Amino acid sequence: TELCLAMVAIQAAGEGYEVYVVTDASGGISPEAHEMAVQRMIQAGVTPITWMVFSGELQRDWARTATTPALGENLIAHGGNVGTSLLWEAQLLAAKPAQNASVGV
């Protein structure tokens, strides 16, 4: 985080780009190094987000049906309580959840 991500993100923000970093998809040499790099990027105008927020922004809404199965599978497999809630809602709606999907973190 403190080198590969922060240096590029800070440079891009300095050049006027709107920069978002997926903070839970990177890591530093220690938790403190990671957190200090994230704080430094925030001070430079970079917006931190998480992988789940990023995937949701790519999807935008559930009406984009071409990509909802893949997103659903990803949320079920890696989204913790969000995946569990998605399976529960699918059961309530008597819908079929993604094939081969299992709840897990």
N, C-alpha and C. Protein backbone atom coordinates (compact mmCIF):
# COMPACT_ATOMS: atom_id res chain seq x y z
N THR A 1 0.83 -1.20 0.00
CA THR A 1 0.00 0.00 0.00
C THR A 1 0.86 1.25 0.00
N GLU A 2 1.89 1.25 0.81
CA GLU A 2 2.67 2.47 1.00
C GLU A 2 3.58 2.80 -0.18
N LEU A 3 3.81 1.87 -1.07
CA LEU A 3 4.65 2.15 -2.24
C LEU A 3 3.85 2.04 -3.53
N CYS A 4 3.52 0.85 -3.93
CA CYS A 4 2.89 0.62 -5.23
C CYS A 4 1.56 1.35 -5.38
N LEU A 5 0.76 1.39 -4.36
CA LEU A 5 -0.54 2.03 -4.44
C LEU A 5 -0.46 3.52 -4.13
N ALA A 6 0.12 3.87 -3.01
CA ALA A 6 0.11 5.26 -2.57
C ALA A 6 0.84 6.19 -3.53
N MET A 7 1.99 5.79 -4.01
CA MET A 7 2.75 6.68 -4.88
C MET A 7 1.99 6.99 -6.16
N VAL A 8 1.40 5.99 -6.77
CA VAL A 8 0.63 6.19 -8.00
C VAL A 8 -0.63 7.00 -7.74
N ALA A 9 -1.35 6.67 -6.67
CA ALA A 9 -2.60 7.36 -6.34
C ALA A 9 -2.35 8.83 -6.03
N ILE A 10 -1.33 9.12 -5.25
CA ILE A 10 -1.02 10.50 -4.90
C ILE A 10 -0.60 11.29 -6.14
N GLN A 11 0.19 10.67 -7.01
CA GLN A 11 0.61 11.32 -8.24
C GLN A 11 -0.60 11.63 -9.13
N ALA A 12 -1.49 10.65 -9.29
CA ALA A 12 -2.68 10.85 -10.13
C ALA A 12 -3.58 11.95 -9.55
N ALA A 13 -3.78 11.94 -8.24
CA ALA A 13 -4.59 12.99 -7.60
C ALA A 13 -3.95 14.35 -7.82
N GLY A 14 -2.63 14.41 -7.72
CA GLY A 14 -1.91 15.67 -7.93
C GLY A 14 -2.03 16.18 -9.36
N GLU A 15 -2.27 15.27 -10.29
CA GLU A 15 -2.43 15.66 -11.69
C GLU A 15 -3.89 15.96 -12.04
N GLY A 16 -4.76 15.94 -11.04
CA GLY A 16 -6.15 16.32 -11.24
C GLY A 16 -7.13 15.20 -11.47
N TYR A 17 -6.68 13.95 -11.39
CA TYR A 17 -7.59 12.83 -11.57
C TYR A 17 -8.41 12.61 -10.30
N GLU A 18 -9.64 12.10 -10.48
CA GLU A 18 -10.46 11.67 -9.35
C GLU A 18 -10.04 10.24 -9.05
N VAL A 19 -9.42 10.01 -7.90
CA VAL A 19 -8.78 8.73 -7.61
C VAL A 19 -9.50 8.02 -6.46
N TYR A 20 -9.79 6.75 -6.68
CA TYR A 20 -10.37 5.87 -5.66
C TYR A 20 -9.41 4.71 -5.46
N VAL A 21 -9.17 4.32 -4.22
CA VAL A 21 -8.32 3.16 -3.95
C VAL A 21 -9.13 2.13 -3.16
N VAL A 22 -8.97 0.87 -3.55
CA VAL A 22 -9.66 -0.23 -2.89
C VAL A 22 -8.75 -0.68 -1.74
N THR A 23 -9.02 -0.17 -0.56
CA THR A 23 -8.09 -0.35 0.56
C THR A 23 -8.00 -1.78 1.09
N ASP A 24 -9.07 -2.55 0.96
CA ASP A 24 -9.00 -3.91 1.47
C ASP A 24 -8.51 -4.90 0.42
N ALA A 25 -8.02 -4.39 -0.71
CA ALA A 25 -7.42 -5.24 -1.74
C ALA A 25 -5.93 -4.95 -1.86
N SER A 26 -5.38 -4.34 -0.84
CA SER A 26 -3.94 -4.05 -0.82
C SER A 26 -3.45 -4.21 0.60
N GLY A 27 -2.16 -4.26 0.74
CA GLY A 27 -1.60 -4.40 2.08
C GLY A 27 -0.19 -3.86 2.13
N GLY A 28 0.22 -3.47 3.30
CA GLY A 28 1.56 -2.96 3.51
C GLY A 28 2.42 -3.97 4.24
N ILE A 29 3.58 -3.52 4.64
CA ILE A 29 4.48 -4.44 5.36
C ILE A 29 4.00 -4.69 6.78
N SER A 30 3.05 -3.86 7.25
CA SER A 30 2.43 -4.05 8.56
C SER A 30 1.07 -3.35 8.53
N PRO A 31 0.19 -3.69 9.45
CA PRO A 31 -1.10 -2.97 9.50
C PRO A 31 -0.91 -1.46 9.66
N GLU A 32 0.07 -1.06 10.46
CA GLU A 32 0.31 0.37 10.65
C GLU A 32 0.79 1.03 9.36
N ALA A 33 1.68 0.37 8.63
CA ALA A 33 2.16 0.93 7.36
C ALA A 33 1.01 1.09 6.38
N HIS A 34 0.13 0.09 6.32
CA HIS A 34 -1.04 0.17 5.45
C HIS A 34 -1.91 1.36 5.84
N GLU A 35 -2.24 1.47 7.12
CA GLU A 35 -3.13 2.53 7.60
C GLU A 35 -2.51 3.91 7.38
N MET A 36 -1.22 4.06 7.62
CA MET A 36 -0.58 5.35 7.40
C MET A 36 -0.59 5.73 5.93
N ALA A 37 -0.42 4.76 5.05
CA ALA A 37 -0.47 5.03 3.61
C ALA A 37 -1.88 5.46 3.20
N VAL A 38 -2.90 4.79 3.75
CA VAL A 38 -4.28 5.17 3.44
C VAL A 38 -4.53 6.60 3.92
N GLN A 39 -4.09 6.93 5.12
CA GLN A 39 -4.26 8.29 5.65
C GLN A 39 -3.54 9.32 4.78
N ARG A 40 -2.36 8.98 4.33
CA ARG A 40 -1.60 9.89 3.47
C ARG A 40 -2.33 10.12 2.15
N MET A 41 -2.90 9.07 1.59
CA MET A 41 -3.66 9.22 0.34
C MET A 41 -4.90 10.07 0.56
N ILE A 42 -5.59 9.87 1.67
CA ILE A 42 -6.77 10.68 1.97
C ILE A 42 -6.38 12.15 2.04
N GLN A 43 -5.27 12.45 2.71
CA GLN A 43 -4.81 13.83 2.80
C GLN A 43 -4.49 14.42 1.44
N ALA A 44 -4.13 13.57 0.48
CA ALA A 44 -3.82 14.02 -0.88
C ALA A 44 -5.06 14.10 -1.76
N GLY A 45 -6.23 13.78 -1.20
CA GLY A 45 -7.47 13.89 -1.96
C GLY A 45 -7.98 12.60 -2.58
N VAL A 46 -7.38 11.49 -2.22
CA VAL A 46 -7.80 10.19 -2.74
C VAL A 46 -8.97 9.67 -1.90
N THR A 47 -9.93 9.01 -2.54
CA THR A 47 -11.09 8.47 -1.85
C THR A 47 -10.92 6.98 -1.61
N PRO A 48 -10.93 6.53 -0.35
CA PRO A 48 -10.82 5.10 -0.07
C PRO A 48 -12.18 4.41 -0.18
N ILE A 49 -12.19 3.21 -0.78
CA ILE A 49 -13.39 2.38 -0.85
C ILE A 49 -12.96 0.94 -0.59
N THR A 50 -13.93 0.04 -0.47
CA THR A 50 -13.64 -1.38 -0.27
C THR A 50 -14.04 -2.16 -1.52
N TRP A 51 -13.64 -3.42 -1.59
CA TRP A 51 -13.93 -4.22 -2.78
C TRP A 51 -15.42 -4.37 -3.00
N MET A 52 -16.19 -4.45 -1.91
CA MET A 52 -17.62 -4.64 -2.07
C MET A 52 -18.26 -3.38 -2.64
N VAL A 53 -17.82 -2.23 -2.20
CA VAL A 53 -18.32 -0.97 -2.76
C VAL A 53 -17.94 -0.87 -4.24
N PHE A 54 -16.71 -1.24 -4.55
CA PHE A 54 -16.25 -1.19 -5.94
C PHE A 54 -17.11 -2.10 -6.83
N SER A 55 -17.36 -3.32 -6.38
CA SER A 55 -18.18 -4.23 -7.19
C SER A 55 -19.60 -3.70 -7.35
N GLY A 56 -20.12 -3.09 -6.30
CA GLY A 56 -21.46 -2.51 -6.39
C GLY A 56 -21.51 -1.34 -7.35
N GLU A 57 -20.46 -0.53 -7.36
CA GLU A 57 -20.43 0.60 -8.29
C GLU A 57 -20.28 0.13 -9.73
N LEU A 58 -19.56 -0.96 -9.95
CA LEU A 58 -19.47 -1.51 -11.30
C LEU A 58 -20.83 -2.04 -11.75
N GLN A 59 -21.55 -2.70 -10.84
CA GLN A 59 -22.87 -3.25 -11.15
C GLN A 59 -23.91 -2.15 -11.34
N ARG A 60 -23.87 -1.14 -10.53
CA ARG A 60 -24.78 0.00 -10.48
C ARG A 60 -26.17 -0.36 -9.96
N ASP A 61 -26.83 -1.32 -10.58
CA ASP A 61 -28.14 -1.74 -10.09
C ASP A 61 -28.42 -3.16 -10.57
N TRP A 62 -29.46 -3.76 -9.99
CA TRP A 62 -29.77 -5.15 -10.30
C TRP A 62 -30.45 -5.31 -11.64
N ALA A 63 -30.80 -4.21 -12.30
CA ALA A 63 -31.42 -4.28 -13.61
C ALA A 63 -30.41 -4.66 -14.70
N ARG A 64 -29.14 -4.55 -14.43
CA ARG A 64 -28.11 -4.95 -15.39
C ARG A 64 -27.92 -6.46 -15.28
N THR A 65 -28.84 -7.19 -15.85
CA THR A 65 -28.93 -8.64 -15.62
C THR A 65 -27.78 -9.45 -16.23
N ALA A 66 -27.04 -8.89 -17.15
CA ALA A 66 -25.93 -9.64 -17.75
C ALA A 66 -24.84 -9.93 -16.73
N THR A 67 -24.69 -9.07 -15.75
CA THR A 67 -23.60 -9.23 -14.78
C THR A 67 -24.07 -9.62 -13.38
N THR A 68 -25.37 -9.66 -13.15
CA THR A 68 -25.84 -9.99 -11.80
C THR A 68 -25.49 -11.40 -11.34
N PRO A 69 -25.50 -12.43 -12.20
CA PRO A 69 -25.12 -13.75 -11.71
C PRO A 69 -23.68 -13.80 -11.16
N ALA A 70 -22.75 -13.19 -11.86
CA ALA A 70 -21.36 -13.19 -11.40
C ALA A 70 -21.21 -12.40 -10.11
N LEU A 71 -21.87 -11.27 -10.02
CA LEU A 71 -21.80 -10.48 -8.78
C LEU A 71 -22.42 -11.26 -7.63
N GLY A 72 -23.57 -11.87 -7.88
CA GLY A 72 -24.22 -12.66 -6.84
C GLY A 72 -23.34 -13.78 -6.34
N GLU A 73 -22.71 -14.51 -7.25
CA GLU A 73 -21.80 -15.59 -6.85
C GLU A 73 -20.65 -15.06 -6.01
N ASN A 74 -20.10 -13.92 -6.41
CA ASN A 74 -18.99 -13.33 -5.67
C ASN A 74 -19.42 -12.91 -4.27
N LEU A 75 -20.59 -12.28 -4.17
CA LEU A 75 -21.08 -11.86 -2.86
C LEU A 75 -21.39 -13.05 -1.97
N ILE A 76 -21.95 -14.11 -2.54
CA ILE A 76 -22.26 -15.31 -1.75
C ILE A 76 -20.98 -15.97 -1.26
N ALA A 77 -19.98 -16.06 -2.12
CA ALA A 77 -18.74 -16.73 -1.76
C ALA A 77 -17.86 -15.91 -0.83
N HIS A 78 -17.87 -14.58 -0.97
CA HIS A 78 -16.90 -13.76 -0.23
C HIS A 78 -17.50 -12.61 0.56
N GLY A 79 -18.80 -12.43 0.50
CA GLY A 79 -19.42 -11.25 1.09
C GLY A 79 -19.94 -11.41 2.50
N GLY A 80 -19.62 -12.52 3.16
CA GLY A 80 -20.05 -12.70 4.55
C GLY A 80 -21.56 -12.57 4.70
N ASN A 81 -21.99 -11.69 5.60
CA ASN A 81 -23.42 -11.55 5.88
C ASN A 81 -24.19 -10.99 4.68
N VAL A 82 -23.54 -10.26 3.78
CA VAL A 82 -24.22 -9.78 2.57
C VAL A 82 -24.60 -10.98 1.69
N GLY A 83 -23.68 -11.93 1.54
CA GLY A 83 -23.96 -13.13 0.77
C GLY A 83 -25.06 -13.96 1.40
N THR A 84 -25.03 -14.07 2.72
CA THR A 84 -26.07 -14.80 3.43
C THR A 84 -27.43 -14.14 3.23
N SER A 85 -27.46 -12.82 3.30
CA SER A 85 -28.71 -12.08 3.09
C SER A 85 -29.22 -12.25 1.66
N LEU A 86 -28.30 -12.28 0.69
CA LEU A 86 -28.69 -12.49 -0.70
C LEU A 86 -29.33 -13.86 -0.88
N LEU A 87 -28.74 -14.88 -0.28
CA LEU A 87 -29.33 -16.22 -0.35
C LEU A 87 -30.70 -16.26 0.31
N TRP A 88 -30.83 -15.59 1.45
CA TRP A 88 -32.09 -15.54 2.17
C TRP A 88 -33.16 -14.86 1.33
N GLU A 89 -32.82 -13.73 0.71
CA GLU A 89 -33.78 -13.03 -0.14
C GLU A 89 -34.17 -13.88 -1.35
N ALA A 90 -33.21 -14.58 -1.94
CA ALA A 90 -33.52 -15.46 -3.07
C ALA A 90 -34.49 -16.55 -2.64
N GLN A 91 -34.30 -17.08 -1.44
CA GLN A 91 -35.20 -18.11 -0.92
C GLN A 91 -36.60 -17.53 -0.71
N LEU A 92 -36.67 -16.32 -0.18
CA LEU A 92 -37.97 -15.69 0.05
C LEU A 92 -38.71 -15.44 -1.26
N LEU A 93 -37.96 -15.10 -2.29
CA LEU A 93 -38.56 -14.83 -3.59
C LEU A 93 -38.75 -16.09 -4.42
N ALA A 94 -38.38 -17.24 -3.85
CA ALA A 94 -38.44 -18.53 -4.53
C ALA A 94 -37.63 -18.50 -5.82
N ALA A 95 -36.51 -17.80 -5.75
CA ALA A 95 -35.62 -17.71 -6.90
C ALA A 95 -34.47 -18.67 -6.70
N LYS A 96 -33.85 -19.05 -7.79
CA LYS A 96 -32.69 -19.92 -7.71
C LYS A 96 -31.44 -19.07 -7.50
N PRO A 97 -30.66 -19.35 -6.45
CA PRO A 97 -29.39 -18.66 -6.29
C PRO A 97 -28.39 -19.16 -7.33
N ALA A 98 -27.26 -18.51 -7.41
CA ALA A 98 -26.23 -18.89 -8.38
C ALA A 98 -25.86 -20.36 -8.20
N GLN A 99 -25.62 -21.05 -9.29
CA GLN A 99 -25.23 -22.46 -9.24
C GLN A 99 -23.89 -22.62 -8.54
N ASN A 100 -23.73 -23.70 -7.81
CA ASN A 100 -22.49 -24.04 -7.12
C ASN A 100 -22.07 -22.98 -6.10
N ALA A 101 -22.98 -22.14 -5.67
CA ALA A 101 -22.62 -21.11 -4.70
C ALA A 101 -22.80 -21.66 -3.30
N SER A 102 -21.88 -21.34 -2.46
CA SER A 102 -21.98 -21.73 -1.06
C SER A 102 -21.64 -20.54 -0.21
N VAL A 103 -22.21 -20.49 0.97
CA VAL A 103 -21.94 -19.39 1.88
C VAL A 103 -20.57 -19.60 2.50
N GLY A 104 -19.77 -18.59 2.50
CA GLY A 104 -18.45 -18.67 3.10
C GLY A 104 -17.77 -17.33 3.04
N VAL A 105 -16.71 -17.24 3.78
CA VAL A 105 -15.97 -15.98 3.80
C VAL A 105 -14.60 -16.21 3.22
